[in-house]
Amino acid sequence: MRVYVGNLWDDVTSEEVRAEFAAFGRVVSVTLVADKSNGRSTGAGFVEMSSPAEVDAVVAGLNGRNIKGRALAVSAAKLRSGVRSGGYGAAKTGG
């Protein structure tokens, strides 16, 4: 189950995000979103937790929590609508 996290600090690493989320359960993966033009963090990412209960716990525990001067925005990730699956130019899905 994937969790969206936004309003991350500029120099965040995936290890730092993993450490914050690990307090609420088993972190399967961390993906930080980078700006395509300069490679810098956009301040957002996705964390995959191992169960729905852990997703609920991490949202309750981290949403709005101030870390390094920023209030994190944490929510259960929503599936993108209109995503095609295959063919030239199709958006990639999955984690």
PDB file of N, CA and C in Angstrom:
ATOM      1  N   MET A   1       0.852  -1.171   0.000  1.00  0.00           N
ATOM      2  CA  MET A   1       0.000   0.000   0.000  1.00  0.00           C
ATOM      3  C   MET A   1       0.900   1.237   0.000  1.00  0.00           C
ATOM      4  N   ARG A   2       0.628   2.130  -0.929  1.00  0.00           N
ATOM      5  CA  ARG A   2       1.472   3.316  -1.092  1.00  0.00           C
ATOM      6  C   ARG A   2       0.901   4.519  -0.356  1.00  0.00           C
ATOM      7  N   VAL A   3       1.825   5.330   0.146  1.00  0.00           N
ATOM      8  CA  VAL A   3       1.491   6.553   0.862  1.00  0.00           C
ATOM      9  C   VAL A   3       2.153   7.713   0.135  1.00  0.00           C
ATOM     10  N   TYR A   4       1.411   8.787  -0.079  1.00  0.00           N
ATOM     11  CA  TYR A   4       1.977  10.006  -0.645  1.00  0.00           C
ATOM     12  C   TYR A   4       2.519  10.854   0.504  1.00  0.00           C
ATOM     13  N   VAL A   5       3.679  11.431   0.309  1.00  0.00           N
ATOM     14  CA  VAL A   5       4.229  12.366   1.296  1.00  0.00           C
ATOM     15  C   VAL A   5       4.684  13.621   0.557  1.00  0.00           C
ATOM     16  N   GLY A   6       4.228  14.758   1.046  1.00  0.00           N
ATOM     17  CA  GLY A   6       4.584  16.031   0.437  1.00  0.00           C
ATOM     18  C   GLY A   6       5.108  17.005   1.461  1.00  0.00           C
ATOM     19  N   ASN A   7       5.623  18.119   0.988  1.00  0.00           N
ATOM     20  CA  ASN A   7       6.208  19.184   1.798  1.00  0.00           C
ATOM     21  C   ASN A   7       7.473  18.711   2.514  1.00  0.00           C
ATOM     22  N   LEU A   8       8.219  17.841   1.834  1.00  0.00           N
ATOM     23  CA  LEU A   8       9.495  17.382   2.371  1.00  0.00           C
ATOM     24  C   LEU A   8      10.534  18.492   2.267  1.00  0.00           C
ATOM     25  N   TRP A   9      11.532  18.450   3.097  1.00  0.00           N
ATOM     26  CA  TRP A   9      12.601  19.434   3.054  1.00  0.00           C
ATOM     27  C   TRP A   9      13.451  19.208   1.804  1.00  0.00           C
ATOM     28  N   ASP A  10      14.158  20.244   1.370  1.00  0.00           N
ATOM     29  CA  ASP A  10      14.860  20.241   0.085  1.00  0.00           C
ATOM     30  C   ASP A  10      15.949  19.181  -0.047  1.00  0.00           C
ATOM     31  N   ASP A  11      16.693  18.938   1.021  1.00  0.00           N
ATOM     32  CA  ASP A  11      17.832  18.027   0.939  1.00  0.00           C
ATOM     33  C   ASP A  11      17.530  16.641   1.503  1.00  0.00           C
ATOM     34  N   VAL A  12      16.257  16.275   1.507  1.00  0.00           N
ATOM     35  CA  VAL A  12      15.844  14.995   2.072  1.00  0.00           C
ATOM     36  C   VAL A  12      16.464  13.824   1.312  1.00  0.00           C
ATOM     37  N   THR A  13      16.770  12.750   2.043  1.00  0.00           N
ATOM     38  CA  THR A  13      17.240  11.514   1.420  1.00  0.00           C
ATOM     39  C   THR A  13      16.200  10.429   1.661  1.00  0.00           C
ATOM     40  N   SER A  14      16.249   9.406   0.842  1.00  0.00           N
ATOM     41  CA  SER A  14      15.300   8.306   1.019  1.00  0.00           C
ATOM     42  C   SER A  14      15.523   7.617   2.362  1.00  0.00           C
ATOM     43  N   GLU A  15      16.756   7.597   2.849  1.00  0.00           N
ATOM     44  CA  GLU A  15      17.045   6.982   4.145  1.00  0.00           C
ATOM     45  C   GLU A  15      16.375   7.751   5.284  1.00  0.00           C
ATOM     46  N   GLU A  16      16.354   9.087   5.189  1.00  0.00           N
ATOM     47  CA  GLU A  16      15.694   9.895   6.217  1.00  0.00           C
ATOM     48  C   GLU A  16      14.189   9.658   6.211  1.00  0.00           C
ATOM     49  N   VAL A  17      13.601   9.582   5.030  1.00  0.00           N
ATOM     50  CA  VAL A  17      12.164   9.319   4.924  1.00  0.00           C
ATOM     51  C   VAL A  17      11.863   7.927   5.471  1.00  0.00           C
ATOM     52  N   ARG A  18      12.673   6.957   5.096  1.00  0.00           N
ATOM     53  CA  ARG A  18      12.489   5.592   5.582  1.00  0.00           C
ATOM     54  C   ARG A  18      12.517   5.551   7.113  1.00  0.00           C
ATOM     55  N   ALA A  19      13.446   6.271   7.717  1.00  0.00           N
ATOM     56  CA  ALA A  19      13.567   6.279   9.174  1.00  0.00           C
ATOM     57  C   ALA A  19      12.318   6.857   9.840  1.00  0.00           C
ATOM     58  N   GLU A  20      11.763   7.928   9.294  1.00  0.00           N
ATOM     59  CA  GLU A  20      10.549   8.520   9.867  1.00  0.00           C
ATOM     60  C   GLU A  20       9.368   7.563   9.766  1.00  0.00           C
ATOM     61  N   PHE A  21       9.220   6.900   8.622  1.00  0.00           N
ATOM     62  CA  PHE A  21       8.077   6.019   8.388  1.00  0.00           C
ATOM     63  C   PHE A  21       8.227   4.682   9.098  1.00  0.00           C
ATOM     64  N   ALA A  22       9.445   4.231   9.313  1.00  0.00           N
ATOM     65  CA  ALA A  22       9.688   2.922   9.930  1.00  0.00           C
ATOM     66  C   ALA A  22       9.153   2.839  11.352  1.00  0.00           C
ATOM     67  N   ALA A  23       8.968   3.964  12.001  1.00  0.00           N
ATOM     68  CA  ALA A  23       8.401   3.960  13.347  1.00  0.00           C
ATOM     69  C   ALA A  23       6.949   3.466  13.356  1.00  0.00           C
ATOM     70  N   PHE A  24       6.334   3.396  12.170  1.00  0.00           N
ATOM     71  CA  PHE A  24       4.927   3.015  12.068  1.00  0.00           C
ATOM     72  C   PHE A  24       4.713   1.670  11.389  1.00  0.00           C
ATOM     73  N   GLY A  25       5.784   0.993  11.022  1.00  0.00           N
ATOM     74  CA  GLY A  25       5.658  -0.316  10.385  1.00  0.00           C
ATOM     75  C   GLY A  25       6.794  -0.581   9.423  1.00  0.00           C
ATOM     76  N   ARG A  26       6.643  -1.650   8.662  1.00  0.00           N
ATOM     77  CA  ARG A  26       7.695  -2.071   7.726  1.00  0.00           C
ATOM     78  C   ARG A  26       7.594  -1.270   6.429  1.00  0.00           C
ATOM     79  N   VAL A  27       8.662  -0.572   6.105  1.00  0.00           N
ATOM     80  CA  VAL A  27       8.739   0.203   4.871  1.00  0.00           C
ATOM     81  C   VAL A  27       9.250  -0.706   3.763  1.00  0.00           C
ATOM     82  N   VAL A  28       8.469  -0.869   2.714  1.00  0.00           N
ATOM     83  CA  VAL A  28       8.840  -1.719   1.584  1.00  0.00           C
ATOM     84  C   VAL A  28       9.737  -0.953   0.627  1.00  0.00           C
ATOM     85  N   SER A  29       9.373   0.304   0.324  1.00  0.00           N
ATOM     86  CA  SER A  29      10.180   1.113  -0.589  1.00  0.00           C
ATOM     87  C   SER A  29       9.909   2.587  -0.377  1.00  0.00           C
ATOM     88  N   VAL A  30      10.875   3.406  -0.793  1.00  0.00           N
ATOM     89  CA  VAL A  30      10.750   4.858  -0.762  1.00  0.00           C
ATOM     90  C   VAL A  30      11.145   5.373  -2.137  1.00  0.00           C
ATOM     91  N   THR A  31      10.283   6.202  -2.728  1.00  0.00           N
ATOM     92  CA  THR A  31      10.567   6.814  -4.021  1.00  0.00           C
ATOM     93  C   THR A  31      10.386   8.317  -3.884  1.00  0.00           C
ATOM     94  N   LEU A  32      11.475   9.070  -4.053  1.00  0.00           N
ATOM     95  CA  LEU A  32      11.397  10.521  -4.015  1.00  0.00           C
ATOM     96  C   LEU A  32      11.269  11.037  -5.442  1.00  0.00           C
ATOM     97  N   VAL A  33      10.447  12.061  -5.622  1.00  0.00           N
ATOM     98  CA  VAL A  33      10.218  12.634  -6.945  1.00  0.00           C
ATOM     99  C   VAL A  33      11.231  13.750  -7.169  1.00  0.00           C
ATOM    100  N   ALA A  34      11.927  13.672  -8.318  1.00  0.00           N
ATOM    101  CA  ALA A  34      12.922  14.682  -8.658  1.00  0.00           C
ATOM    102  C   ALA A  34      12.471  15.467  -9.877  1.00  0.00           C
ATOM    103  N   ASP A  35      12.839  16.740  -9.913  1.00  0.00           N
ATOM    104  CA  ASP A  35      12.562  17.587 -11.059  1.00  0.00           C
ATOM    105  C   ASP A  35      13.384  17.082 -12.245  1.00  0.00           C
ATOM    106  N   LYS A  36      12.746  16.871 -13.377  1.00  0.00           N
ATOM    107  CA  LYS A  36      13.441  16.314 -14.551  1.00  0.00           C
ATOM    108  C   LYS A  36      14.506  17.258 -15.104  1.00  0.00           C
ATOM    109  N   SER A  37      14.318  18.550 -14.951  1.00  0.00           N
ATOM    110  CA  SER A  37      15.264  19.492 -15.546  1.00  0.00           C
ATOM    111  C   SER A  37      16.535  19.673 -14.733  1.00  0.00           C
ATOM    112  N   ASN A  38      16.438  19.594 -13.402  1.00  0.00           N
ATOM    113  CA  ASN A  38      17.637  19.830 -12.597  1.00  0.00           C
ATOM    114  C   ASN A  38      17.981  18.707 -11.622  1.00  0.00           C
ATOM    115  N   GLY A  39      17.132  17.689 -11.519  1.00  0.00           N
ATOM    116  CA  GLY A  39      17.413  16.543 -10.664  1.00  0.00           C
ATOM    117  C   GLY A  39      17.211  16.789  -9.179  1.00  0.00           C
ATOM    118  N   ARG A  40      16.783  17.978  -8.802  1.00  0.00           N
ATOM    119  CA  ARG A  40      16.560  18.283  -7.384  1.00  0.00           C
ATOM    120  C   ARG A  40      15.194  17.780  -6.931  1.00  0.00           C
ATOM    121  N   SER A  41      15.081  17.553  -5.645  1.00  0.00           N
ATOM    122  CA  SER A  41      13.835  17.065  -5.065  1.00  0.00           C
ATOM    123  C   SER A  41      12.704  18.059  -5.293  1.00  0.00           C
ATOM    124  N   THR A  42      11.523  17.519  -5.592  1.00  0.00           N
ATOM    125  CA  THR A  42      10.332  18.365  -5.717  1.00  0.00           C
ATOM    126  C   THR A  42       9.633  18.520  -4.367  1.00  0.00           C
ATOM    127  N   GLY A  43      10.141  17.830  -3.353  1.00  0.00           N
ATOM    128  CA  GLY A  43       9.520  17.894  -2.033  1.00  0.00           C
ATOM    129  C   GLY A  43       8.394  16.902  -1.857  1.00  0.00           C
ATOM    130  N   ALA A  44       8.327  15.922  -2.740  1.00  0.00           N
ATOM    131  CA  ALA A  44       7.262  14.925  -2.668  1.00  0.00           C
ATOM    132  C   ALA A  44       7.826  13.534  -2.937  1.00  0.00           C
ATOM    133  N   GLY A  45       7.058  12.537  -2.544  1.00  0.00           N
ATOM    134  CA  GLY A  45       7.479  11.176  -2.804  1.00  0.00           C
ATOM    135  C   GLY A  45       6.398  10.185  -2.413  1.00  0.00           C
ATOM    136  N   PHE A  46       6.756   8.919  -2.530  1.00  0.00           N
ATOM    137  CA  PHE A  46       5.844   7.834  -2.194  1.00  0.00           C
ATOM    138  C   PHE A  46       6.573   6.826  -1.332  1.00  0.00           C
ATOM    139  N   VAL A  47       5.883   6.326  -0.338  1.00  0.00           N
ATOM    140  CA  VAL A  47       6.424   5.304   0.546  1.00  0.00           C
ATOM    141  C   VAL A  47       5.468   4.134   0.496  1.00  0.00           C
ATOM    142  N   GLU A  48       6.007   2.956   0.275  1.00  0.00           N
ATOM    143  CA  GLU A  48       5.174   1.759   0.271  1.00  0.00           C
ATOM    144  C   GLU A  48       5.320   1.059   1.607  1.00  0.00           C
ATOM    145  N   MET A  49       4.195   0.880   2.283  1.00  0.00           N
ATOM    146  CA  MET A  49       4.153   0.174   3.567  1.00  0.00           C
ATOM    147  C   MET A  49       3.618  -1.230   3.314  1.00  0.00           C
ATOM    148  N   SER A  50       3.861  -2.129   4.262  1.00  0.00           N
ATOM    149  CA  SER A  50       3.521  -3.529   4.009  1.00  0.00           C
ATOM    150  C   SER A  50       2.062  -3.898   4.283  1.00  0.00           C
ATOM    151  N   SER A  51       1.287  -3.025   4.943  1.00  0.00           N
ATOM    152  CA  SER A  51      -0.108  -3.387   5.212  1.00  0.00           C
ATOM    153  C   SER A  51      -0.995  -2.139   5.281  1.00  0.00           C
ATOM    154  N   PRO A  52      -2.297  -2.315   5.071  1.00  0.00           N
ATOM    155  CA  PRO A  52      -3.229  -1.199   5.190  1.00  0.00           C
ATOM    156  C   PRO A  52      -3.237  -0.593   6.599  1.00  0.00           C
ATOM    157  N   ALA A  53      -3.069  -1.410   7.619  1.00  0.00           N
ATOM    158  CA  ALA A  53      -3.046  -0.901   8.994  1.00  0.00           C
ATOM    159  C   ALA A  53      -1.849   0.022   9.208  1.00  0.00           C
ATOM    160  N   GLU A  54      -0.724  -0.302   8.590  1.00  0.00           N
ATOM    161  CA  GLU A  54       0.453   0.552   8.702  1.00  0.00           C
ATOM    162  C   GLU A  54       0.243   1.869   7.966  1.00  0.00           C
ATOM    163  N   VAL A  55      -0.452   1.831   6.854  1.00  0.00           N
ATOM    164  CA  VAL A  55      -0.779   3.060   6.126  1.00  0.00           C
ATOM    165  C   VAL A  55      -1.622   3.960   7.016  1.00  0.00           C
ATOM    166  N   ASP A  56      -2.641   3.402   7.641  1.00  0.00           N
ATOM    167  CA  ASP A  56      -3.488   4.185   8.540  1.00  0.00           C
ATOM    168  C   ASP A  56      -2.674   4.775   9.683  1.00  0.00           C
ATOM    169  N   ALA A  57      -1.772   3.985  10.252  1.00  0.00           N
ATOM    170  CA  ALA A  57      -0.951   4.440  11.372  1.00  0.00           C
ATOM    171  C   ALA A  57      -0.010   5.565  10.962  1.00  0.00           C
ATOM    172  N   VAL A  58       0.619   5.434   9.801  1.00  0.00           N
ATOM    173  CA  VAL A  58       1.571   6.449   9.361  1.00  0.00           C
ATOM    174  C   VAL A  58       0.863   7.746   8.985  1.00  0.00           C
ATOM    175  N   VAL A  59      -0.314   7.655   8.393  1.00  0.00           N
ATOM    176  CA  VAL A  59      -1.084   8.865   8.059  1.00  0.00           C
ATOM    177  C   VAL A  59      -1.483   9.580   9.352  1.00  0.00           C
ATOM    178  N   ALA A  60      -1.984   8.827  10.323  1.00  0.00           N
ATOM    179  CA  ALA A  60      -2.389   9.422  11.596  1.00  0.00           C
ATOM    180  C   ALA A  60      -1.193  10.000  12.352  1.00  0.00           C
ATOM    181  N   GLY A  61      -0.052   9.338  12.252  1.00  0.00           N
ATOM    182  CA  GLY A  61       1.111   9.758  13.022  1.00  0.00           C
ATOM    183  C   GLY A  61       1.963  10.841  12.394  1.00  0.00           C
ATOM    184  N   LEU A  62       1.991  10.931  11.062  1.00  0.00           N
ATOM    185  CA  LEU A  62       2.897  11.876  10.411  1.00  0.00           C
ATOM    186  C   LEU A  62       2.221  13.030   9.683  1.00  0.00           C
ATOM    187  N   ASN A  63       0.962  12.905   9.316  1.00  0.00           N
ATOM    188  CA  ASN A  63       0.311  13.999   8.589  1.00  0.00           C
ATOM    189  C   ASN A  63       0.248  15.239   9.475  1.00  0.00           C
ATOM    190  N   GLY A  64       0.847  16.322   8.994  1.00  0.00           N
ATOM    191  CA  GLY A  64       0.874  17.575   9.742  1.00  0.00           C
ATOM    192  C   GLY A  64       2.017  17.681  10.733  1.00  0.00           C
ATOM    193  N   ARG A  65       2.758  16.604  10.928  1.00  0.00           N
ATOM    194  CA  ARG A  65       3.878  16.616  11.878  1.00  0.00           C
ATOM    195  C   ARG A  65       5.012  17.486  11.341  1.00  0.00           C
ATOM    196  N   ASN A  66       5.558  18.328  12.201  1.00  0.00           N
ATOM    197  CA  ASN A  66       6.623  19.236  11.823  1.00  0.00           C
ATOM    198  C   ASN A  66       7.968  18.526  11.936  1.00  0.00           C
ATOM    199  N   ILE A  67       8.634  18.391  10.792  1.00  0.00           N
ATOM    200  CA  ILE A  67       9.961  17.784  10.749  1.00  0.00           C
ATOM    201  C   ILE A  67      10.871  18.722   9.974  1.00  0.00           C
ATOM    202  N   LYS A  68      11.949  19.151  10.598  1.00  0.00           N
ATOM    203  CA  LYS A  68      12.910  20.090  10.002  1.00  0.00           C
ATOM    204  C   LYS A  68      12.223  21.362   9.510  1.00  0.00           C
ATOM    205  N   GLY A  69      11.260  21.831  10.297  1.00  0.00           N
ATOM    206  CA  GLY A  69      10.603  23.088   9.975  1.00  0.00           C
ATOM    207  C   GLY A  69       9.487  23.004   8.954  1.00  0.00           C
ATOM    208  N   ARG A  70       9.096  21.795   8.577  1.00  0.00           N
ATOM    209  CA  ARG A  70       8.025  21.642   7.583  1.00  0.00           C
ATOM    210  C   ARG A  70       6.957  20.690   8.112  1.00  0.00           C
ATOM    211  N   ALA A  71       5.706  21.067   7.900  1.00  0.00           N
ATOM    212  CA  ALA A  71       4.590  20.202   8.268  1.00  0.00           C
ATOM    213  C   ALA A  71       4.346  19.241   7.111  1.00  0.00           C
ATOM    214  N   LEU A  72       4.596  17.964   7.332  1.00  0.00           N
ATOM    215  CA  LEU A  72       4.442  16.979   6.275  1.00  0.00           C
ATOM    216  C   LEU A  72       2.989  16.808   5.875  1.00  0.00           C
ATOM    217  N   ALA A  73       2.769  16.552   4.603  1.00  0.00           N
ATOM    218  CA  ALA A  73       1.448  16.204   4.075  1.00  0.00           C
ATOM    219  C   ALA A  73       1.512  14.717   3.742  1.00  0.00           C
ATOM    220  N   VAL A  74       0.803  13.903   4.502  1.00  0.00           N
ATOM    221  CA  VAL A  74       0.866  12.449   4.333  1.00  0.00           C
ATOM    222  C   VAL A  74      -0.550  11.922   4.146  1.00  0.00           C
ATOM    223  N   SER A  75      -0.748  11.135   3.075  1.00  0.00           N
ATOM    224  CA  SER A  75      -2.066  10.557   2.817  1.00  0.00           C
ATOM    225  C   SER A  75      -1.909   9.251   2.048  1.00  0.00           C
ATOM    226  N   ALA A  76      -2.939   8.434   2.097  1.00  0.00           N
ATOM    227  CA  ALA A  76      -2.930   7.208   1.302  1.00  0.00           C
ATOM    228  C   ALA A  76      -2.902   7.613  -0.165  1.00  0.00           C
ATOM    229  N   ALA A  77      -2.014   7.004  -0.933  1.00  0.00           N
ATOM    230  CA  ALA A  77      -1.886   7.343  -2.357  1.00  0.00           C
ATOM    231  C   ALA A  77      -3.119   6.884  -3.106  1.00  0.00           C
ATOM    232  N   LYS A  78      -3.550   7.697  -4.038  1.00  0.00           N
ATOM    233  CA  LYS A  78      -4.703   7.358  -4.864  1.00  0.00           C
ATOM    234  C   LYS A  78      -4.206   6.856  -6.209  1.00  0.00           C
ATOM    235  N   LEU A  79      -4.928   5.920  -6.779  1.00  0.00           N
ATOM    236  CA  LEU A  79      -4.588   5.446  -8.108  1.00  0.00           C
ATOM    237  C   LEU A  79      -4.890   6.541  -9.113  1.00  0.00           C
ATOM    238  N   ARG A  80      -3.996   6.704 -10.065  1.00  0.00           N
ATOM    239  CA  ARG A  80      -4.211   7.707 -11.104  1.00  0.00           C
ATOM    240  C   ARG A  80      -5.275   7.214 -12.069  1.00  0.00           C
ATOM    241  N   SER A  81      -6.205   8.087 -12.424  1.00  0.00           N
ATOM    242  CA  SER A  81      -7.236   7.698 -13.385  1.00  0.00           C
ATOM    243  C   SER A  81      -6.750   8.020 -14.786  1.00  0.00           C
ATOM    244  N   GLY A  82      -7.195   7.253 -15.723  1.00  0.00           N
ATOM    245  CA  GLY A  82      -6.851   7.503 -17.110  1.00  0.00           C
ATOM    246  C   GLY A  82      -5.459   7.057 -17.504  1.00  0.00           C
ATOM    247  N   VAL A  83      -4.826   6.249 -16.692  1.00  0.00           N
ATOM    248  CA  VAL A  83      -3.487   5.759 -17.016  1.00  0.00           C
ATOM    249  C   VAL A  83      -3.620   4.582 -17.962  1.00  0.00           C
ATOM    250  N   ARG A  84      -2.932   4.678 -19.082  1.00  0.00           N
ATOM    251  CA  ARG A  84      -2.973   3.600 -20.056  1.00  0.00           C
ATOM    252  C   ARG A  84      -1.972   2.523 -19.664  1.00  0.00           C
ATOM    253  N   SER A  85      -2.197   1.316 -20.112  1.00  0.00           N
ATOM    254  CA  SER A  85      -1.289   0.223 -19.766  1.00  0.00           C
ATOM    255  C   SER A  85      -0.745  -0.439 -21.022  1.00  0.00           C
ATOM    256  N   GLY A  86       0.255   0.161 -21.611  1.00  0.00           N
ATOM    257  CA  GLY A  86       0.884  -0.447 -22.767  1.00  0.00           C
ATOM    258  C   GLY A  86       0.847   0.453 -23.973  1.00  0.00           C
ATOM    259  N   GLY A  87       1.636   0.097 -24.944  1.00  0.00           N
ATOM    260  CA  GLY A  87       1.679   0.890 -26.163  1.00  0.00           C
ATOM    261  C   GLY A  87       2.678   2.005 -26.064  1.00  0.00           C
ATOM    262  N   TYR A  88       3.006   2.577 -27.174  1.00  0.00           N
ATOM    263  CA  TYR A  88       3.979   3.649 -27.235  1.00  0.00           C
ATOM    264  C   TYR A  88       3.497   4.880 -26.460  1.00  0.00           C
ATOM    265  N   GLY A  89       4.343   5.409 -25.593  1.00  0.00           N
ATOM    266  CA  GLY A  89       4.016   6.619 -24.865  1.00  0.00           C
ATOM    267  C   GLY A  89       3.105   6.420 -23.677  1.00  0.00           C
ATOM    268  N   ALA A  90       2.788   5.190 -23.341  1.00  0.00           N
ATOM    269  CA  ALA A  90       1.907   4.947 -22.213  1.00  0.00           C
ATOM    270  C   ALA A  90       2.633   5.244 -20.917  1.00  0.00           C
ATOM    271  N   ALA A  91       1.882   5.761 -19.952  1.00  0.00           N
ATOM    272  CA  ALA A  91       2.452   6.041 -18.652  1.00  0.00           C
ATOM    273  C   ALA A  91       2.760   4.751 -17.935  1.00  0.00           C
ATOM    274  N   LYS A  92       3.860   4.744 -17.213  1.00  0.00           N
ATOM    275  CA  LYS A  92       4.203   3.554 -16.428  1.00  0.00           C
ATOM    276  C   LYS A  92       3.338   3.525 -15.183  1.00  0.00           C
ATOM    277  N   THR A  93       2.913   2.340 -14.811  1.00  0.00           N
ATOM    278  CA  THR A  93       2.139   2.176 -13.586  1.00  0.00           C
ATOM    279  C   THR A  93       2.874   1.195 -12.704  1.00  0.00           C
ATOM    280  N   GLY A  94       2.459   1.142 -11.473  1.00  0.00           N
ATOM    281  CA  GLY A  94       3.082   0.197 -10.549  1.00  0.00           C
ATOM    282  C   GLY A  94       4.254   0.827  -9.825  1.00  0.00           C
ATOM    283  N   GLY A  95       4.878   0.048  -8.943  1.00  0.00           N
ATOM    284  CA  GLY A  95       5.891   0.632  -8.099  1.00  0.00           C
ATOM    285  C   GLY A  95       7.189   0.038  -8.287  1.00  0.00           C
TER     286      GLY A  95
END
